[in-house]
PDB file of all heavy atoms in Angstrom:
ATOM      1  N   PHE A   1     145.755  23.962 -14.931  1.00  0.00           N
ATOM      2  CA  PHE A   1     144.881  22.738 -14.934  1.00  0.00           C
ATOM      3  C   PHE A   1     145.827  21.481 -14.756  1.00  0.00           C
ATOM      4  O   PHE A   1     146.834  21.346 -15.360  1.00  0.00           O
ATOM      5  CB  PHE A   1     144.101  22.589 -16.234  1.00  0.00           C
ATOM      6  CG  PHE A   1     143.284  21.279 -16.309  1.00  0.00           C
ATOM      7  CD1 PHE A   1     142.012  21.252 -15.659  1.00  0.00           C
ATOM      8  CD2 PHE A   1     143.740  20.253 -16.927  1.00  0.00           C
ATOM      9  CE1 PHE A   1     141.358  20.112 -15.714  1.00  0.00           C
ATOM     10  CE2 PHE A   1     143.047  19.111 -16.982  1.00  0.00           C
ATOM     11  CZ  PHE A   1     141.766  19.014 -16.393  1.00  0.00           C
ATOM     12  N   LYS A   2     145.341  20.645 -13.807  1.00  0.00           N
ATOM     13  CA  LYS A   2     146.106  19.362 -13.627  1.00  0.00           C
ATOM     14  C   LYS A   2     145.123  18.285 -13.697  1.00  0.00           C
ATOM     15  O   LYS A   2     143.954  18.361 -13.327  1.00  0.00           O
ATOM     16  CB  LYS A   2     146.767  19.374 -12.234  1.00  0.00           C
ATOM     17  CG  LYS A   2     147.866  20.415 -12.002  1.00  0.00           C
ATOM     18  CD  LYS A   2     148.474  20.278 -10.589  1.00  0.00           C
ATOM     19  CE  LYS A   2     149.539  21.345 -10.416  1.00  0.00           C
ATOM     20  NZ  LYS A   2     150.126  21.259  -9.053  1.00  0.00           N
ATOM     21  N   HIS A   3     145.574  17.133 -14.270  1.00  0.00           N
ATOM     22  CA  HIS A   3     144.824  15.898 -14.276  1.00  0.00           C
ATOM     23  C   HIS A   3     145.587  14.749 -13.812  1.00  0.00           C
ATOM     24  O   HIS A   3     146.719  14.513 -14.155  1.00  0.00           O
ATOM     25  CB  HIS A   3     144.376  15.587 -15.756  1.00  0.00           C
ATOM     26  CG  HIS A   3     143.743  14.293 -15.901  1.00  0.00           C
ATOM     27  ND1 HIS A   3     142.533  13.917 -15.279  1.00  0.00           N
ATOM     28  CD2 HIS A   3     144.165  13.156 -16.658  1.00  0.00           C
ATOM     29  CE1 HIS A   3     142.223  12.680 -15.682  1.00  0.00           C
ATOM     30  NE2 HIS A   3     143.167  12.221 -16.398  1.00  0.00           N
ATOM     31  N   THR A   4     145.007  14.027 -12.837  1.00  0.00           N
ATOM     32  CA  THR A   4     145.597  12.789 -12.299  1.00  0.00           C
ATOM     33  C   THR A   4     145.048  11.574 -12.982  1.00  0.00           C
ATOM     34  O   THR A   4     143.792  11.335 -12.998  1.00  0.00           O
ATOM     35  CB  THR A   4     145.339  12.695 -10.821  1.00  0.00           C
ATOM     36  OG1 THR A   4     145.864  13.818 -10.161  1.00  0.00           O
ATOM     37  CG2 THR A   4     146.064  11.427 -10.226  1.00  0.00           C
ATOM     38  N   VAL A   5     145.873  10.867 -13.685  1.00  0.00           N
ATOM     39  CA  VAL A   5     145.485   9.629 -14.391  1.00  0.00           C
ATOM     40  C   VAL A   5     144.912   8.603 -13.428  1.00  0.00           C
ATOM     41  O   VAL A   5     145.377   8.450 -12.367  1.00  0.00           O
ATOM     42  CB  VAL A   5     146.701   9.022 -15.156  1.00  0.00           C
ATOM     43  CG1 VAL A   5     146.233   7.772 -15.956  1.00  0.00           C
ATOM     44  CG2 VAL A   5     147.304  10.025 -16.062  1.00  0.00           C
ATOM     45  N   SER A   6     143.809   7.947 -13.834  1.00  0.00           N
ATOM     46  CA  SER A   6     143.135   7.031 -13.033  1.00  0.00           C
ATOM     47  C   SER A   6     144.089   5.991 -12.432  1.00  0.00           C
ATOM     48  O   SER A   6     144.998   5.548 -13.204  1.00  0.00           O
ATOM     49  CB  SER A   6     142.083   6.258 -13.785  1.00  0.00           C
ATOM     50  OG  SER A   6     141.073   7.179 -14.242  1.00  0.00           O
ATOM     51  N   GLU A   7     143.932   5.603 -11.146  1.00  0.00           N
ATOM     52  CA  GLU A   7     144.981   4.806 -10.503  1.00  0.00           C
ATOM     53  C   GLU A   7     144.701   3.339 -10.517  1.00  0.00           C
ATOM     54  O   GLU A   7     145.423   2.545  -9.978  1.00  0.00           O
ATOM     55  CB  GLU A   7     145.044   5.335  -9.084  1.00  0.00           C
ATOM     56  CG  GLU A   7     145.536   6.763  -8.942  1.00  0.00           C
ATOM     57  CD  GLU A   7     145.785   7.173  -7.508  1.00  0.00           C
ATOM     58  OE1 GLU A   7     145.619   6.308  -6.619  1.00  0.00           O
ATOM     59  OE2 GLU A   7     146.179   8.339  -7.250  1.00  0.00           O
ATOM     60  N   GLU A   8     143.584   2.918 -11.115  1.00  0.00           N
ATOM     61  CA  GLU A   8     143.299   1.444 -11.155  1.00  0.00           C
ATOM     62  C   GLU A   8     144.366   0.699 -11.980  1.00  0.00           C
ATOM     63  O   GLU A   8     144.739   1.055 -13.044  1.00  0.00           O
ATOM     64  CB  GLU A   8     141.939   1.122 -11.731  1.00  0.00           C
ATOM     65  CG  GLU A   8     140.792   1.646 -10.838  1.00  0.00           C
ATOM     66  CD  GLU A   8     140.470   3.149 -11.148  1.00  0.00           C
ATOM     67  OE1 GLU A   8     141.118   3.725 -12.007  1.00  0.00           O
ATOM     68  OE2 GLU A   8     139.547   3.716 -10.493  1.00  0.00           O
ATOM     69  N   GLY A   9     144.844  -0.458 -11.514  1.00  0.00           N
ATOM     70  CA  GLY A   9     145.774  -1.301 -12.170  1.00  0.00           C
ATOM     71  C   GLY A   9     147.186  -0.736 -12.162  1.00  0.00           C
ATOM     72  O   GLY A   9     147.476   0.277 -11.506  1.00  0.00           O
ATOM     73  N   ASN A  10     148.034  -1.349 -12.965  1.00  0.00           N
ATOM     74  CA  ASN A  10     149.422  -0.885 -13.092  1.00  0.00           C
ATOM     75  C   ASN A  10     149.906  -0.799 -14.533  1.00  0.00           C
ATOM     76  O   ASN A  10     151.053  -0.768 -14.797  1.00  0.00           O
ATOM     77  CB  ASN A  10     150.405  -1.880 -12.310  1.00  0.00           C
ATOM     78  CG  ASN A  10     150.363  -3.270 -12.979  1.00  0.00           C
ATOM     79  OD1 ASN A  10     149.555  -3.553 -13.812  1.00  0.00           O
ATOM     80  ND2 ASN A  10     151.250  -4.153 -12.511  1.00  0.00           N
ATOM     81  N   VAL A  11     148.922  -0.685 -15.448  1.00  0.00           N
ATOM     82  CA  VAL A  11     149.200  -0.552 -16.851  1.00  0.00           C
ATOM     83  C   VAL A  11     148.924   0.852 -17.307  1.00  0.00           C
ATOM     84  O   VAL A  11     147.871   1.468 -16.908  1.00  0.00           O
ATOM     85  CB  VAL A  11     148.388  -1.484 -17.710  1.00  0.00           C
ATOM     86  CG1 VAL A  11     148.712  -1.343 -19.219  1.00  0.00           C
ATOM     87  CG2 VAL A  11     148.735  -2.984 -17.292  1.00  0.00           C
ATOM     88  N   SER A  12     149.788   1.505 -18.125  1.00  0.00           N
ATOM     89  CA  SER A  12     149.536   2.897 -18.485  1.00  0.00           C
ATOM     90  C   SER A  12     148.244   3.003 -19.373  1.00  0.00           C
ATOM     91  O   SER A  12     147.813   2.114 -19.969  1.00  0.00           O
ATOM     92  CB  SER A  12     150.766   3.420 -19.282  1.00  0.00           C
ATOM     93  OG  SER A  12     150.967   2.626 -20.495  1.00  0.00           O
ATOM     94  N   ARG A  13     147.782   4.284 -19.308  1.00  0.00           N
ATOM     95  CA  ARG A  13     146.564   4.591 -20.053  1.00  0.00           C
ATOM     96  C   ARG A  13     146.827   5.590 -21.136  1.00  0.00           C
ATOM     97  O   ARG A  13     147.665   6.486 -20.950  1.00  0.00           O
ATOM     98  CB  ARG A  13     145.494   5.132 -19.049  1.00  0.00           C
ATOM     99  CG  ARG A  13     144.996   4.045 -18.003  1.00  0.00           C
ATOM    100  CD  ARG A  13     144.141   4.730 -17.012  1.00  0.00           C
ATOM    101  NE  ARG A  13     143.692   3.770 -16.031  1.00  0.00           N
ATOM    102  CZ  ARG A  13     142.526   3.116 -16.119  1.00  0.00           C
ATOM    103  NH1 ARG A  13     141.744   3.392 -17.141  1.00  0.00           N
ATOM    104  NH2 ARG A  13     142.175   2.232 -15.196  1.00  0.00           N
ATOM    105  N   HIS A  14     146.048   5.493 -22.248  1.00  0.00           N
ATOM    106  CA  HIS A  14     146.153   6.505 -23.270  1.00  0.00           C
ATOM    107  C   HIS A  14     145.371   7.738 -22.817  1.00  0.00           C
ATOM    108  O   HIS A  14     144.103   7.593 -22.682  1.00  0.00           O
ATOM    109  CB  HIS A  14     145.723   5.981 -24.613  1.00  0.00           C
ATOM    110  CG  HIS A  14     145.762   6.956 -25.699  1.00  0.00           C
ATOM    111  ND1 HIS A  14     144.782   7.297 -26.566  1.00  0.00           N
ATOM    112  CD2 HIS A  14     146.821   7.752 -26.152  1.00  0.00           C
ATOM    113  CE1 HIS A  14     145.081   8.225 -27.391  1.00  0.00           C
ATOM    114  NE2 HIS A  14     146.366   8.491 -27.183  1.00  0.00           N
ATOM    115  N   VAL A  15     146.013   8.857 -22.661  1.00  0.00           N
ATOM    116  CA  VAL A  15     145.324  10.116 -22.259  1.00  0.00           C
ATOM    117  C   VAL A  15     145.399  11.139 -23.320  1.00  0.00           C
ATOM    118  O   VAL A  15     146.410  11.379 -23.975  1.00  0.00           O
ATOM    119  CB  VAL A  15     146.058  10.671 -20.994  1.00  0.00           C
ATOM    120  CG1 VAL A  15     145.337  11.935 -20.510  1.00  0.00           C
ATOM    121  CG2 VAL A  15     146.118   9.579 -19.822  1.00  0.00           C
ATOM    122  N   GLU A  16     144.212  11.720 -23.552  1.00  0.00           N
ATOM    123  CA  GLU A  16     144.094  12.786 -24.503  1.00  0.00           C
ATOM    124  C   GLU A  16     143.337  13.936 -23.812  1.00  0.00           C
ATOM    125  O   GLU A  16     142.318  13.750 -23.251  1.00  0.00           O
ATOM    126  CB  GLU A  16     143.272  12.279 -25.761  1.00  0.00           C
ATOM    127  CG  GLU A  16     143.184  13.289 -26.882  1.00  0.00           C
ATOM    128  CD  GLU A  16     142.434  12.749 -28.046  1.00  0.00           C
ATOM    129  OE1 GLU A  16     141.863  11.632 -27.966  1.00  0.00           O
ATOM    130  OE2 GLU A  16     142.394  13.470 -29.085  1.00  0.00           O
ATOM    131  N   ILE A  17     143.934  15.103 -23.879  1.00  0.00           N
ATOM    132  CA  ILE A  17     143.314  16.320 -23.299  1.00  0.00           C
ATOM    133  C   ILE A  17     143.117  17.328 -24.434  1.00  0.00           C
ATOM    134  O   ILE A  17     144.016  17.775 -25.170  1.00  0.00           O
ATOM    135  CB  ILE A  17     144.172  16.873 -22.204  1.00  0.00           C
ATOM    136  CG1 ILE A  17     144.388  15.909 -21.124  1.00  0.00           C
ATOM    137  CG2 ILE A  17     143.577  18.191 -21.672  1.00  0.00           C
ATOM    138  CD1 ILE A  17     145.153  16.371 -19.926  1.00  0.00           C
ATOM    139  N   VAL A  18     141.865  17.698 -24.613  1.00  0.00           N
ATOM    140  CA  VAL A  18     141.421  18.627 -25.729  1.00  0.00           C
ATOM    141  C   VAL A  18     140.980  19.913 -25.082  1.00  0.00           C
ATOM    142  O   VAL A  18     140.239  19.916 -24.058  1.00  0.00           O
ATOM    143  CB  VAL A  18     140.315  17.988 -26.583  1.00  0.00           C
ATOM    144  CG1 VAL A  18     139.819  19.008 -27.616  1.00  0.00           C
ATOM    145  CG2 VAL A  18     140.791  16.689 -27.250  1.00  0.00           C
ATOM    146  N   ILE A  19     141.455  21.050 -25.687  1.00  0.00           N
ATOM    147  CA  ILE A  19     141.094  22.351 -25.187  1.00  0.00           C
ATOM    148  C   ILE A  19     140.328  23.080 -26.325  1.00  0.00           C
ATOM    149  O   ILE A  19     140.731  23.049 -27.508  1.00  0.00           O
ATOM    150  CB  ILE A  19     142.324  23.153 -24.814  1.00  0.00           C
ATOM    151  CG1 ILE A  19     143.037  22.514 -23.608  1.00  0.00           C
ATOM    152  CG2 ILE A  19     141.954  24.657 -24.531  1.00  0.00           C
ATOM    153  CD1 ILE A  19     144.288  23.267 -23.194  1.00  0.00           C
ATOM    154  N   MET A  20     139.230  23.714 -25.921  1.00  0.00           N
ATOM    155  CA  MET A  20     138.457  24.531 -26.862  1.00  0.00           C
ATOM    156  C   MET A  20     138.214  25.919 -26.245  1.00  0.00           C
ATOM    157  O   MET A  20     137.748  26.040 -25.124  1.00  0.00           O
ATOM    158  CB  MET A  20     137.056  23.849 -27.138  1.00  0.00           C
ATOM    159  CG  MET A  20     137.176  22.615 -27.974  1.00  0.00           C
ATOM    160  SD  MET A  20     135.559  21.932 -28.444  1.00  0.00           S
ATOM    161  CE  MET A  20     135.182  21.104 -26.865  1.00  0.00           C
ATOM    162  N   ASP A  21     138.730  26.955 -26.927  1.00  0.00           N
ATOM    163  CA  ASP A  21     138.510  28.310 -26.427  1.00  0.00           C
ATOM    164  C   ASP A  21     138.264  29.226 -27.642  1.00  0.00           C
ATOM    165  O   ASP A  21     137.906  28.770 -28.721  1.00  0.00           O
ATOM    166  CB  ASP A  21     139.717  28.706 -25.661  1.00  0.00           C
ATOM    167  CG  ASP A  21     140.997  28.830 -26.452  1.00  0.00           C
ATOM    168  OD1 ASP A  21     140.934  28.468 -27.663  1.00  0.00           O
ATOM    169  OD2 ASP A  21     142.089  29.184 -25.881  1.00  0.00           O
ATOM    170  N   ASP A  22     138.408  30.539 -27.396  1.00  0.00           N
ATOM    171  CA  ASP A  22     138.071  31.460 -28.469  1.00  0.00           C
ATOM    172  C   ASP A  22     139.062  31.361 -29.659  1.00  0.00           C
ATOM    173  O   ASP A  22     138.768  31.916 -30.760  1.00  0.00           O
ATOM    174  CB  ASP A  22     138.129  32.915 -27.929  1.00  0.00           C
ATOM    175  CG  ASP A  22     136.961  33.193 -27.001  1.00  0.00           C
ATOM    176  OD1 ASP A  22     136.079  32.318 -26.903  1.00  0.00           O
ATOM    177  OD2 ASP A  22     136.962  34.307 -26.395  1.00  0.00           O
ATOM    178  N   SER A  23     140.194  30.739 -29.502  1.00  0.00           N
ATOM    179  CA  SER A  23     141.162  30.545 -30.590  1.00  0.00           C
ATOM    180  C   SER A  23     140.960  29.252 -31.316  1.00  0.00           C
ATOM    181  O   SER A  23     141.613  28.996 -32.303  1.00  0.00           O
ATOM    182  CB  SER A  23     142.580  30.547 -30.029  1.00  0.00           C
ATOM    183  OG  SER A  23     142.875  29.445 -29.250  1.00  0.00           O
ATOM    184  N   GLY A  24     139.981  28.440 -30.825  1.00  0.00           N
ATOM    185  CA  GLY A  24     139.715  27.154 -31.570  1.00  0.00           C
ATOM    186  C   GLY A  24     139.917  25.961 -30.768  1.00  0.00           C
ATOM    187  O   GLY A  24     140.026  26.044 -29.483  1.00  0.00           O
ATOM    188  N   LYS A  25     139.927  24.800 -31.374  1.00  0.00           N
ATOM    189  CA  LYS A  25     140.050  23.529 -30.708  1.00  0.00           C
ATOM    190  C   LYS A  25     141.429  22.939 -31.051  1.00  0.00           C
ATOM    191  O   LYS A  25     141.822  23.014 -32.152  1.00  0.00           O
ATOM    192  CB  LYS A  25     138.982  22.566 -31.199  1.00  0.00           C
ATOM    193  CG  LYS A  25     139.019  21.163 -30.586  1.00  0.00           C
ATOM    194  CD  LYS A  25     137.906  20.317 -31.273  1.00  0.00           C
ATOM    195  CE  LYS A  25     138.004  18.819 -30.750  1.00  0.00           C
ATOM    196  NZ  LYS A  25     136.924  18.005 -31.337  1.00  0.00           N
ATOM    197  N   ARG A  26     142.025  22.413 -29.973  1.00  0.00           N
ATOM    198  CA  ARG A  26     143.395  21.824 -30.146  1.00  0.00           C
ATOM    199  C   ARG A  26     143.645  20.740 -29.080  1.00  0.00           C
ATOM    200  O   ARG A  26     143.149  20.830 -28.006  1.00  0.00           O
ATOM    201  CB  ARG A  26     144.485  22.859 -30.077  1.00  0.00           C
ATOM    202  CG  ARG A  26     144.507  23.658 -28.814  1.00  0.00           C
ATOM    203  CD  ARG A  26     145.268  24.989 -29.075  1.00  0.00           C
ATOM    204  NE  ARG A  26     145.494  25.771 -27.878  1.00  0.00           N
ATOM    205  CZ  ARG A  26     144.537  26.655 -27.442  1.00  0.00           C
ATOM    206  NH1 ARG A  26     143.427  26.800 -28.073  1.00  0.00           N
ATOM    207  NH2 ARG A  26     144.828  27.432 -26.374  1.00  0.00           N
ATOM    208  N   THR A  27     144.367  19.683 -29.482  1.00  0.00           N
ATOM    209  CA  THR A  27     144.757  18.607 -28.560  1.00  0.00           C
ATOM    210  C   THR A  27     146.087  18.928 -27.985  1.00  0.00           C
ATOM    211  O   THR A  27     147.127  19.012 -28.682  1.00  0.00           O
ATOM    212  CB  THR A  27     144.806  17.280 -29.333  1.00  0.00           C
ATOM    213  OG1 THR A  27     143.507  16.989 -29.917  1.00  0.00           O
ATOM    214  CG2 THR A  27     145.154  16.176 -28.358  1.00  0.00           C
ATOM    215  N   MET A  28     146.130  19.045 -26.594  1.00  0.00           N
ATOM    216  CA  MET A  28     147.351  19.469 -25.985  1.00  0.00           C
ATOM    217  C   MET A  28     148.186  18.273 -25.349  1.00  0.00           C
ATOM    218  O   MET A  28     149.346  18.346 -25.162  1.00  0.00           O
ATOM    219  CB  MET A  28     147.039  20.442 -24.845  1.00  0.00           C
ATOM    220  CG  MET A  28     146.407  21.702 -25.358  1.00  0.00           C
ATOM    221  SD  MET A  28     147.172  22.502 -26.750  1.00  0.00           S
ATOM    222  CE  MET A  28     148.811  22.792 -26.121  1.00  0.00           C
ATOM    223  N   VAL A  29     147.408  17.184 -25.085  1.00  0.00           N
ATOM    224  CA  VAL A  29     148.078  15.952 -24.594  1.00  0.00           C
ATOM    225  C   VAL A  29     147.560  14.814 -25.360  1.00  0.00           C
ATOM    226  O   VAL A  29     146.328  14.631 -25.561  1.00  0.00           O
ATOM    227  CB  VAL A  29     147.797  15.814 -23.067  1.00  0.00           C
ATOM    228  CG1 VAL A  29     148.323  14.444 -22.577  1.00  0.00           C
ATOM    229  CG2 VAL A  29     148.351  16.960 -22.293  1.00  0.00           C
ATOM    230  N   ASP A  30     148.498  13.928 -25.783  1.00  0.00           N
ATOM    231  CA  ASP A  30     148.073  12.669 -26.566  1.00  0.00           C
ATOM    232  C   ASP A  30     149.186  11.712 -26.399  1.00  0.00           C
ATOM    233  O   ASP A  30     150.086  11.665 -27.167  1.00  0.00           O
ATOM    234  CB  ASP A  30     147.814  13.049 -28.092  1.00  0.00           C
ATOM    235  CG  ASP A  30     147.285  11.884 -28.785  1.00  0.00           C
ATOM    236  OD1 ASP A  30     146.982  10.801 -28.154  1.00  0.00           O
ATOM    237  OD2 ASP A  30     147.162  11.991 -30.063  1.00  0.00           O
ATOM    238  N   GLY A  31     149.073  10.924 -25.338  1.00  0.00           N
ATOM    239  CA  GLY A  31     150.171   9.942 -25.064  1.00  0.00           C
ATOM    240  C   GLY A  31     149.728   8.989 -23.954  1.00  0.00           C
ATOM    241  O   GLY A  31     148.639   9.050 -23.449  1.00  0.00           O
ATOM    242  N   TYR A  32     150.669   8.108 -23.575  1.00  0.00           N
ATOM    243  CA  TYR A  32     150.420   7.067 -22.553  1.00  0.00           C
ATOM    244  C   TYR A  32     151.053   7.503 -21.207  1.00  0.00           C
ATOM    245  O   TYR A  32     152.215   8.086 -21.180  1.00  0.00           O
ATOM    246  CB  TYR A  32     150.982   5.770 -23.005  1.00  0.00           C
ATOM    247  CG  TYR A  32     150.104   5.062 -24.057  1.00  0.00           C
ATOM    248  CD1 TYR A  32     150.309   5.397 -25.429  1.00  0.00           C
ATOM    249  CD2 TYR A  32     149.160   4.230 -23.743  1.00  0.00           C
ATOM    250  CE1 TYR A  32     149.583   4.768 -26.388  1.00  0.00           C
ATOM    251  CE2 TYR A  32     148.390   3.592 -24.719  1.00  0.00           C
ATOM    252  CZ  TYR A  32     148.597   3.897 -26.065  1.00  0.00           C
ATOM    253  OH  TYR A  32     147.843   3.339 -27.000  1.00  0.00           O
TER     254      TYR A  32
END
């Protein structure tokens, strides 16, 4: 899986990617 951060503006964005599967819920990305 790949995610391209929105390209509007020139200021970084806080990105959080959460995964839920048979092993449970976990946050894999949490940063700017």
